[in-house]
């Protein structure tokens, strides 16, 4: 609907190349950490299904627990990335 975008555009944020490279490096490292954990899930599911079918806790098999662990790990890594890449509180 026309007319809802009348707010002024936000000014562009200053871009610091060194900070952008550092943040990209953090992102790649955290992605590789998650990729290794996810790869373990895929390999275990493909080659050791009997291990993933075990019931280690509260009637839930290892595949379910590992899957929930992947979700929690993704959220924790995202929070860590946000914390690592936060803007410094230096003088302006």
PDB file of N, CA and C in Angstrom:
ATOM      1  N   UNK A   1       0.837  -1.160   0.000  1.00  0.00           N
ATOM      2  CA  UNK A   1       0.000   0.000   0.000  1.00  0.00           C
ATOM      3  C   UNK A   1       0.889   1.233   0.000  1.00  0.00           C
ATOM      4  N   UNK A   2       0.634   2.136  -0.850  1.00  0.00           N
ATOM      5  CA  UNK A   2       1.451   3.337  -0.891  1.00  0.00           C
ATOM      6  C   UNK A   2       1.175   4.219   0.316  1.00  0.00           C
ATOM      7  N   UNK A   3       2.201   4.937   0.713  1.00  0.00           N
ATOM      8  CA  UNK A   3       2.055   5.890   1.795  1.00  0.00           C
ATOM      9  C   UNK A   3       2.579   5.426   3.136  1.00  0.00           C
ATOM     10  N   UNK A   4       2.953   4.144   3.256  1.00  0.00           N
ATOM     11  CA  UNK A   4       3.446   3.651   4.533  1.00  0.00           C
ATOM     12  C   UNK A   4       4.962   3.777   4.672  1.00  0.00           C
ATOM     13  N   UNK A   5       5.643   4.192   3.642  1.00  0.00           N
ATOM     14  CA  UNK A   5       7.102   4.302   3.673  1.00  0.00           C
ATOM     15  C   UNK A   5       7.543   5.766   3.672  1.00  0.00           C
ATOM     16  N   UNK A   6       6.883   6.600   4.455  1.00  0.00           N
ATOM     17  CA  UNK A   6       7.199   8.022   4.446  1.00  0.00           C
ATOM     18  C   UNK A   6       8.297   8.400   5.429  1.00  0.00           C
ATOM     19  N   UNK A   7       8.755   7.456   6.257  1.00  0.00           N
ATOM     20  CA  UNK A   7       9.809   7.764   7.216  1.00  0.00           C
ATOM     21  C   UNK A   7      11.116   8.023   6.465  1.00  0.00           C
ATOM     22  N   UNK A   8      11.933   8.941   6.976  1.00  0.00           N
ATOM     23  CA  UNK A   8      13.220   9.193   6.317  1.00  0.00           C
ATOM     24  C   UNK A   8      14.125   7.965   6.412  1.00  0.00           C
ATOM     25  N   UNK A   9      14.915   7.779   5.404  1.00  0.00           N
ATOM     26  CA  UNK A   9      15.840   6.646   5.388  1.00  0.00           C
ATOM     27  C   UNK A   9      16.896   6.832   6.469  1.00  0.00           C
ATOM     28  N   UNK A  10      17.286   5.718   7.081  1.00  0.00           N
ATOM     29  CA  UNK A  10      18.325   5.770   8.109  1.00  0.00           C
ATOM     30  C   UNK A  10      19.656   6.117   7.451  1.00  0.00           C
ATOM     31  N   UNK A  11      20.483   6.912   8.135  1.00  0.00           N
ATOM     32  CA  UNK A  11      21.792   7.231   7.547  1.00  0.00           C
ATOM     33  C   UNK A  11      22.648   5.969   7.468  1.00  0.00           C
ATOM     34  N   UNK A  12      23.486   5.859   6.462  1.00  0.00           N
ATOM     35  CA  UNK A  12      24.320   4.659   6.346  1.00  0.00           C
ATOM     36  C   UNK A  12      25.311   4.581   7.507  1.00  0.00           C
ATOM     37  N   UNK A  13      25.541   3.365   7.953  1.00  0.00           N
ATOM     38  CA  UNK A  13      26.501   3.166   9.032  1.00  0.00           C
ATOM     39  C   UNK A  13      27.916   3.272   8.483  1.00  0.00           C
ATOM     40  N   UNK A  14      28.819   3.826   9.281  1.00  0.00           N
ATOM     41  CA  UNK A  14      30.216   3.881   8.810  1.00  0.00           C
ATOM     42  C   UNK A  14      30.769   2.465   8.672  1.00  0.00           C
ATOM     43  N   UNK A  15      31.581   2.246   7.663  1.00  0.00           N
ATOM     44  CA  UNK A  15      32.122   0.909   7.395  1.00  0.00           C
ATOM     45  C   UNK A  15      33.622   0.902   7.657  1.00  0.00           C
ATOM     46  N   UNK A  16      33.999   0.074   8.586  1.00  0.00           N
ATOM     47  CA  UNK A  16      35.407  -0.111   8.907  1.00  0.00           C
ATOM     48  C   UNK A  16      35.834  -1.460   8.330  1.00  0.00           C
ATOM     49  N   UNK A  17      36.729  -1.441   7.363  1.00  0.00           N
ATOM     50  CA  UNK A  17      37.120  -2.675   6.664  1.00  0.00           C
ATOM     51  C   UNK A  17      37.771  -3.686   7.597  1.00  0.00           C
ATOM     52  N   UNK A  18      38.584  -3.213   8.540  1.00  0.00           N
ATOM     53  CA  UNK A  18      39.239  -4.139   9.470  1.00  0.00           C
ATOM     54  C   UNK A  18      38.198  -4.851  10.339  1.00  0.00           C
ATOM     55  N   UNK A  19      37.212  -4.120  10.796  1.00  0.00           N
ATOM     56  CA  UNK A  19      36.150  -4.719  11.611  1.00  0.00           C
ATOM     57  C   UNK A  19      35.319  -5.684  10.785  1.00  0.00           C
ATOM     58  N   UNK A  20      35.030  -5.324   9.540  1.00  0.00           N
ATOM     59  CA  UNK A  20      34.259  -6.206   8.664  1.00  0.00           C
ATOM     60  C   UNK A  20      35.013  -7.513   8.412  1.00  0.00           C
ATOM     61  N   UNK A  21      36.324  -7.441   8.195  1.00  0.00           N
ATOM     62  CA  UNK A  21      37.123  -8.654   7.984  1.00  0.00           C
ATOM     63  C   UNK A  21      37.143  -9.516   9.245  1.00  0.00           C
ATOM     64  N   UNK A  22      37.306  -8.881  10.408  1.00  0.00           N
ATOM     65  CA  UNK A  22      37.326  -9.619  11.672  1.00  0.00           C
ATOM     66  C   UNK A  22      35.990 -10.324  11.896  1.00  0.00           C
ATOM     67  N   UNK A  23      34.888  -9.609  11.654  1.00  0.00           N
ATOM     68  CA  UNK A  23      33.566 -10.203  11.846  1.00  0.00           C
ATOM     69  C   UNK A  23      33.322 -11.350  10.872  1.00  0.00           C
ATOM     70  N   UNK A  24      33.795 -11.212   9.647  1.00  0.00           N
ATOM     71  CA  UNK A  24      33.666 -12.289   8.662  1.00  0.00           C
ATOM     72  C   UNK A  24      34.470 -13.507   9.105  1.00  0.00           C
ATOM     73  N   UNK A  25      35.647 -13.275   9.647  1.00  0.00           N
ATOM     74  CA  UNK A  25      36.475 -14.373  10.141  1.00  0.00           C
ATOM     75  C   UNK A  25      35.780 -15.093  11.296  1.00  0.00           C
ATOM     76  N   UNK A  26      35.197 -14.329  12.237  1.00  0.00           N
ATOM     77  CA  UNK A  26      34.432 -14.940  13.329  1.00  0.00           C
ATOM     78  C   UNK A  26      33.297 -15.792  12.767  1.00  0.00           C
ATOM     79  N   UNK A  27      32.586 -15.256  11.796  1.00  0.00           N
ATOM     80  CA  UNK A  27      31.470 -15.991  11.209  1.00  0.00           C
ATOM     81  C   UNK A  27      31.908 -17.285  10.562  1.00  0.00           C
ATOM     82  N   UNK A  28      33.013 -17.255   9.839  1.00  0.00           N
ATOM     83  CA  UNK A  28      33.507 -18.466   9.188  1.00  0.00           C
ATOM     84  C   UNK A  28      33.957 -19.514  10.203  1.00  0.00           C
ATOM     85  N   UNK A  29      34.636 -19.092  11.244  1.00  0.00           N
ATOM     86  CA  UNK A  29      35.097 -20.036  12.266  1.00  0.00           C
ATOM     87  C   UNK A  29      33.894 -20.674  12.971  1.00  0.00           C
ATOM     88  N   UNK A  30      32.917 -19.867  13.347  1.00  0.00           N
ATOM     89  CA  UNK A  30      31.744 -20.414  14.022  1.00  0.00           C
ATOM     90  C   UNK A  30      30.943 -21.316  13.081  1.00  0.00           C
ATOM     91  N   UNK A  31      30.882 -20.966  11.800  1.00  0.00           N
ATOM     92  CA  UNK A  31      30.211 -21.820  10.829  1.00  0.00           C
ATOM     93  C   UNK A  31      30.924 -23.168  10.724  1.00  0.00           C
ATOM     94  N   UNK A  32      32.254 -23.158  10.700  1.00  0.00           N
ATOM     95  CA  UNK A  32      33.002 -24.410  10.611  1.00  0.00           C
ATOM     96  C   UNK A  32      32.796 -25.267  11.852  1.00  0.00           C
ATOM     97  N   UNK A  33      32.706 -24.638  13.021  1.00  0.00           N
ATOM     98  CA  UNK A  33      32.417 -25.379  14.254  1.00  0.00           C
ATOM     99  C   UNK A  33      31.075 -26.085  14.115  1.00  0.00           C
ATOM    100  N   UNK A  34      30.054 -25.334  13.672  1.00  0.00           N
ATOM    101  CA  UNK A  34      28.730 -25.932  13.515  1.00  0.00           C
ATOM    102  C   UNK A  34      28.739 -27.007  12.428  1.00  0.00           C
ATOM    103  N   UNK A  35      29.467 -26.776  11.360  1.00  0.00           N
ATOM    104  CA  UNK A  35      29.537 -27.747  10.273  1.00  0.00           C
ATOM    105  C   UNK A  35      30.113 -29.080  10.758  1.00  0.00           C
ATOM    106  N   UNK A  36      31.120 -29.040  11.607  1.00  0.00           N
ATOM    107  CA  UNK A  36      31.703 -30.267  12.150  1.00  0.00           C
ATOM    108  C   UNK A  36      30.685 -31.000  13.031  1.00  0.00           C
ATOM    109  N   UNK A  37      29.972 -30.251  13.867  1.00  0.00           N
ATOM    110  CA  UNK A  37      28.966 -30.867  14.738  1.00  0.00           C
ATOM    111  C   UNK A  37      27.838 -31.470  13.892  1.00  0.00           C
ATOM    112  N   UNK A  38      27.370 -30.726  12.894  1.00  0.00           N
ATOM    113  CA  UNK A  38      26.314 -31.225  12.017  1.00  0.00           C
ATOM    114  C   UNK A  38      26.801 -32.421  11.198  1.00  0.00           C
ATOM    115  N   UNK A  39      28.046 -32.361  10.747  1.00  0.00           N
ATOM    116  CA  UNK A  39      28.618 -33.489  10.020  1.00  0.00           C
ATOM    117  C   UNK A  39      28.632 -34.751  10.862  1.00  0.00           C
ATOM    118  N   UNK A  40      28.905 -34.601  12.153  1.00  0.00           N
ATOM    119  CA  UNK A  40      28.843 -35.757  13.050  1.00  0.00           C
ATOM    120  C   UNK A  40      27.451 -36.351  13.108  1.00  0.00           C
ATOM    121  N   UNK A  41      26.441 -35.495  13.118  1.00  0.00           N
ATOM    122  CA  UNK A  41      25.053 -35.966  13.109  1.00  0.00           C
ATOM    123  C   UNK A  41      24.738 -36.725  11.819  1.00  0.00           C
ATOM    124  N   UNK A  42      25.140 -36.186  10.698  1.00  0.00           N
ATOM    125  CA  UNK A  42      24.859 -36.819   9.406  1.00  0.00           C
ATOM    126  C   UNK A  42      25.587 -38.154   9.291  1.00  0.00           C
ATOM    127  N   UNK A  43      26.847 -38.176   9.677  1.00  0.00           N
ATOM    128  CA  UNK A  43      27.625 -39.425   9.582  1.00  0.00           C
ATOM    129  C   UNK A  43      27.043 -40.478  10.511  1.00  0.00           C
ATOM    130  N   UNK A  44      26.705 -40.090  11.748  1.00  0.00           N
ATOM    131  CA  UNK A  44      26.124 -41.054  12.683  1.00  0.00           C
ATOM    132  C   UNK A  44      24.781 -41.566  12.173  1.00  0.00           C
ATOM    133  N   UNK A  45      23.980 -40.689  11.602  1.00  0.00           N
ATOM    134  CA  UNK A  45      22.677 -41.116  11.081  1.00  0.00           C
ATOM    135  C   UNK A  45      22.822 -42.044   9.880  1.00  0.00           C
ATOM    136  N   UNK A  46      23.806 -41.787   9.044  1.00  0.00           N
ATOM    137  CA  UNK A  46      23.974 -42.573   7.820  1.00  0.00           C
ATOM    138  C   UNK A  46      24.655 -43.916   8.071  1.00  0.00           C
ATOM    139  N   UNK A  47      25.672 -43.936   8.928  1.00  0.00           N
ATOM    140  CA  UNK A  47      26.490 -45.133   9.065  1.00  0.00           C
ATOM    141  C   UNK A  47      26.276 -45.911  10.356  1.00  0.00           C
ATOM    142  N   UNK A  48      25.682 -45.280  11.374  1.00  0.00           N
ATOM    143  CA  UNK A  48      25.428 -45.960  12.650  1.00  0.00           C
ATOM    144  C   UNK A  48      24.002 -45.687  13.133  1.00  0.00           C
ATOM    145  N   UNK A  49      23.018 -46.095  12.349  1.00  0.00           N
ATOM    146  CA  UNK A  49      21.635 -45.819  12.760  1.00  0.00           C
ATOM    147  C   UNK A  49      21.260 -46.509  14.064  1.00  0.00           C
ATOM    148  N   UNK A  50      21.904 -47.622  14.377  1.00  0.00           N
ATOM    149  CA  UNK A  50      21.591 -48.304  15.636  1.00  0.00           C
ATOM    150  C   UNK A  50      22.004 -47.466  16.842  1.00  0.00           C
ATOM    151  N   UNK A  51      23.062 -46.678  16.678  1.00  0.00           N
ATOM    152  CA  UNK A  51      23.476 -45.772  17.759  1.00  0.00           C
ATOM    153  C   UNK A  51      22.456 -44.646  17.912  1.00  0.00           C
ATOM    154  N   UNK A  52      21.970 -44.118  16.811  1.00  0.00           N
ATOM    155  CA  UNK A  52      21.003 -43.018  16.867  1.00  0.00           C
ATOM    156  C   UNK A  52      19.640 -43.487  17.365  1.00  0.00           C
ATOM    157  N   UNK A  53      19.386 -44.808  17.332  1.00  0.00           N
ATOM    158  CA  UNK A  53      18.100 -45.345  17.762  1.00  0.00           C
ATOM    159  C   UNK A  53      18.071 -45.659  19.260  1.00  0.00           C
ATOM    160  N   UNK A  54      19.182 -45.569  19.930  1.00  0.00           N
ATOM    161  CA  UNK A  54      19.221 -45.854  21.365  1.00  0.00           C
ATOM    162  C   UNK A  54      18.407 -44.818  22.131  1.00  0.00           C
ATOM    163  N   UNK A  55      17.903 -45.225  23.278  1.00  0.00           N
ATOM    164  CA  UNK A  55      17.072 -44.335  24.102  1.00  0.00           C
ATOM    165  C   UNK A  55      17.861 -43.987  25.361  1.00  0.00           C
ATOM    166  N   UNK A  56      18.636 -42.894  25.318  1.00  0.00           N
ATOM    167  CA  UNK A  56      19.483 -42.578  26.463  1.00  0.00           C
ATOM    168  C   UNK A  56      18.794 -41.757  27.551  1.00  0.00           C
ATOM    169  N   UNK A  57      17.675 -41.049  27.232  1.00  0.00           N
ATOM    170  CA  UNK A  57      17.130 -40.126  28.222  1.00  0.00           C
ATOM    171  C   UNK A  57      15.639 -39.894  27.988  1.00  0.00           C
ATOM    172  N   UNK A  58      14.841 -40.117  29.008  1.00  0.00           N
ATOM    173  CA  UNK A  58      13.415 -39.779  29.033  1.00  0.00           C
ATOM    174  C   UNK A  58      12.633 -40.296  27.825  1.00  0.00           C
ATOM    175  N   UNK A  59      12.991 -41.451  27.325  1.00  0.00           N
ATOM    176  CA  UNK A  59      12.249 -42.023  26.218  1.00  0.00           C
ATOM    177  C   UNK A  59      12.558 -41.421  24.860  1.00  0.00           C
ATOM    178  N   UNK A  60      13.511 -40.515  24.790  1.00  0.00           N
ATOM    179  CA  UNK A  60      13.897 -39.894  23.523  1.00  0.00           C
ATOM    180  C   UNK A  60      15.157 -40.578  22.997  1.00  0.00           C
ATOM    181  N   UNK A  61      15.151 -40.886  21.706  1.00  0.00           N
ATOM    182  CA  UNK A  61      16.339 -41.540  21.163  1.00  0.00           C
ATOM    183  C   UNK A  61      17.450 -40.519  20.910  1.00  0.00           C
ATOM    184  N   UNK A  62      18.617 -41.024  20.614  1.00  0.00           N
ATOM    185  CA  UNK A  62      19.796 -40.169  20.440  1.00  0.00           C
ATOM    186  C   UNK A  62      19.635 -39.209  19.266  1.00  0.00           C
ATOM    187  N   UNK A  63      18.924 -39.627  18.214  1.00  0.00           N
ATOM    188  CA  UNK A  63      18.738 -38.749  17.054  1.00  0.00           C
ATOM    189  C   UNK A  63      17.934 -37.506  17.438  1.00  0.00           C
ATOM    190  N   UNK A  64      16.890 -37.678  18.225  1.00  0.00           N
ATOM    191  CA  UNK A  64      16.083 -36.540  18.668  1.00  0.00           C
ATOM    192  C   UNK A  64      16.912 -35.624  19.565  1.00  0.00           C
ATOM    193  N   UNK A  65      17.619 -36.223  20.509  1.00  0.00           N
ATOM    194  CA  UNK A  65      18.442 -35.409  21.413  1.00  0.00           C
ATOM    195  C   UNK A  65      19.534 -34.670  20.652  1.00  0.00           C
ATOM    196  N   UNK A  66      20.162 -35.339  19.694  1.00  0.00           N
ATOM    197  CA  UNK A  66      21.205 -34.707  18.890  1.00  0.00           C
ATOM    198  C   UNK A  66      20.609 -33.569  18.060  1.00  0.00           C
ATOM    199  N   UNK A  67      19.418 -33.784  17.507  1.00  0.00           N
ATOM    200  CA  UNK A  67      18.751 -32.744  16.726  1.00  0.00           C
ATOM    201  C   UNK A  67      18.443 -31.510  17.558  1.00  0.00           C
ATOM    202  N   UNK A  68      17.894 -31.725  18.764  1.00  0.00           N
ATOM    203  CA  UNK A  68      17.653 -30.591  19.649  1.00  0.00           C
ATOM    204  C   UNK A  68      18.964 -29.917  20.049  1.00  0.00           C
ATOM    205  N   UNK A  69      20.000 -30.732  20.222  1.00  0.00           N
ATOM    206  CA  UNK A  69      21.313 -30.179  20.532  1.00  0.00           C
ATOM    207  C   UNK A  69      21.834 -29.302  19.403  1.00  0.00           C
ATOM    208  N   UNK A  70      21.566 -29.696  18.168  1.00  0.00           N
ATOM    209  CA  UNK A  70      21.968 -28.883  17.017  1.00  0.00           C
ATOM    210  C   UNK A  70      21.260 -27.528  17.033  1.00  0.00           C
ATOM    211  N   UNK A  71      19.983 -27.534  17.365  1.00  0.00           N
ATOM    212  CA  UNK A  71      19.229 -26.281  17.410  1.00  0.00           C
ATOM    213  C   UNK A  71      19.766 -25.373  18.506  1.00  0.00           C
ATOM    214  N   UNK A  72      19.982 -25.926  19.683  1.00  0.00           N
ATOM    215  CA  UNK A  72      20.504 -25.138  20.798  1.00  0.00           C
ATOM    216  C   UNK A  72      21.906 -24.625  20.479  1.00  0.00           C
ATOM    217  N   UNK A  73      22.725 -25.470  19.867  1.00  0.00           N
ATOM    218  CA  UNK A  73      24.076 -25.059  19.488  1.00  0.00           C
ATOM    219  C   UNK A  73      24.041 -23.911  18.487  1.00  0.00           C
ATOM    220  N   UNK A  74      23.135 -23.980  17.520  1.00  0.00           N
ATOM    221  CA  UNK A  74      23.017 -22.891  16.537  1.00  0.00           C
ATOM    222  C   UNK A  74      22.645 -21.587  17.228  1.00  0.00           C
ATOM    223  N   UNK A  75      21.720 -21.639  18.166  1.00  0.00           N
ATOM    224  CA  UNK A  75      21.331 -20.428  18.891  1.00  0.00           C
ATOM    225  C   UNK A  75      22.480 -19.881  19.735  1.00  0.00           C
ATOM    226  N   UNK A  76      23.207 -20.769  20.390  1.00  0.00           N
ATOM    227  CA  UNK A  76      24.349 -20.322  21.205  1.00  0.00           C
ATOM    228  C   UNK A  76      25.455 -19.730  20.341  1.00  0.00           C
ATOM    229  N   UNK A  77      25.730 -20.345  19.194  1.00  0.00           N
ATOM    230  CA  UNK A  77      26.751 -19.805  18.303  1.00  0.00           C
ATOM    231  C   UNK A  77      26.322 -18.456  17.721  1.00  0.00           C
ATOM    232  N   UNK A  78      25.037 -18.295  17.444  1.00  0.00           N
ATOM    233  CA  UNK A  78      24.546 -17.006  16.958  1.00  0.00           C
ATOM    234  C   UNK A  78      24.693 -15.930  18.034  1.00  0.00           C
ATOM    235  N   UNK A  79      24.385 -16.282  19.273  1.00  0.00           N
ATOM    236  CA  UNK A  79      24.554 -15.328  20.374  1.00  0.00           C
ATOM    237  C   UNK A  79      26.035 -14.992  20.562  1.00  0.00           C
ATOM    238  N   UNK A  80      26.897 -15.989  20.462  1.00  0.00           N
ATOM    239  CA  UNK A  80      28.336 -15.751  20.578  1.00  0.00           C
ATOM    240  C   UNK A  80      28.821 -14.835  19.466  1.00  0.00           C
ATOM    241  N   UNK A  81      28.342 -15.066  18.248  1.00  0.00           N
ATOM    242  CA  UNK A  81      28.719 -14.211  17.124  1.00  0.00           C
ATOM    243  C   UNK A  81      28.269 -12.771  17.364  1.00  0.00           C
ATOM    244  N   UNK A  82      27.053 -12.607  17.833  1.00  0.00           N
ATOM    245  CA  UNK A  82      26.562 -11.266  18.143  1.00  0.00           C
ATOM    246  C   UNK A  82      27.387 -10.589  19.220  1.00  0.00           C
ATOM    247  N   UNK A  83      27.804 -11.358  20.216  1.00  0.00           N
ATOM    248  CA  UNK A  83      28.616 -10.794  21.298  1.00  0.00           C
ATOM    249  C   UNK A  83      30.019 -10.435  20.788  1.00  0.00           C
ATOM    250  N   UNK A  84      30.596 -11.304  19.977  1.00  0.00           N
ATOM    251  CA  UNK A  84      31.937 -11.031  19.455  1.00  0.00           C
ATOM    252  C   UNK A  84      31.951  -9.837  18.507  1.00  0.00           C
ATOM    253  N   UNK A  85      30.886  -9.629  17.770  1.00  0.00           N
ATOM    254  CA  UNK A  85      30.846  -8.587  16.737  1.00  0.00           C
ATOM    255  C   UNK A  85      30.157  -7.315  17.210  1.00  0.00           C
ATOM    256  N   UNK A  86      29.867  -7.211  18.486  1.00  0.00           N
ATOM    257  CA  UNK A  86      29.184  -6.006  18.966  1.00  0.00           C
ATOM    258  C   UNK A  86      30.064  -4.793  18.759  1.00  0.00           C
ATOM    259  N   UNK A  87      29.413  -3.645  18.630  1.00  0.00           N
ATOM    260  CA  UNK A  87      30.145  -2.385  18.424  1.00  0.00           C
ATOM    261  C   UNK A  87      30.866  -1.997  19.698  1.00  0.00           C
ATOM    262  N   UNK A  88      32.049  -1.479  19.550  1.00  0.00           N
ATOM    263  CA  UNK A  88      32.792  -1.031  20.726  1.00  0.00           C
ATOM    264  C   UNK A  88      32.162   0.245  21.266  1.00  0.00           C
ATOM    265  N   UNK A  89      32.278   0.452  22.550  1.00  0.00           N
ATOM    266  CA  UNK A  89      31.672   1.614  23.213  1.00  0.00           C
ATOM    267  C   UNK A  89      32.700   2.719  23.399  1.00  0.00           C
ATOM    268  N   UNK A  90      33.505   2.954  22.414  1.00  0.00           N
ATOM    269  CA  UNK A  90      34.545   3.977  22.493  1.00  0.00           C
ATOM    270  C   UNK A  90      33.983   5.381  22.352  1.00  0.00           C
ATOM    271  N   UNK A  91      34.830   6.406  22.511  1.00  0.00           N
ATOM    272  CA  UNK A  91      34.348   7.783  22.359  1.00  0.00           C
ATOM    273  C   UNK A  91      33.945   8.066  20.929  1.00  0.00           C
ATOM    274  N   UNK A  92      32.962   8.943  20.784  1.00  0.00           N
ATOM    275  CA  UNK A  92      32.476   9.265  19.444  1.00  0.00           C
ATOM    276  C   UNK A  92      32.859  10.655  19.041  1.00  0.00           C
TER     277      UNK A  92
END
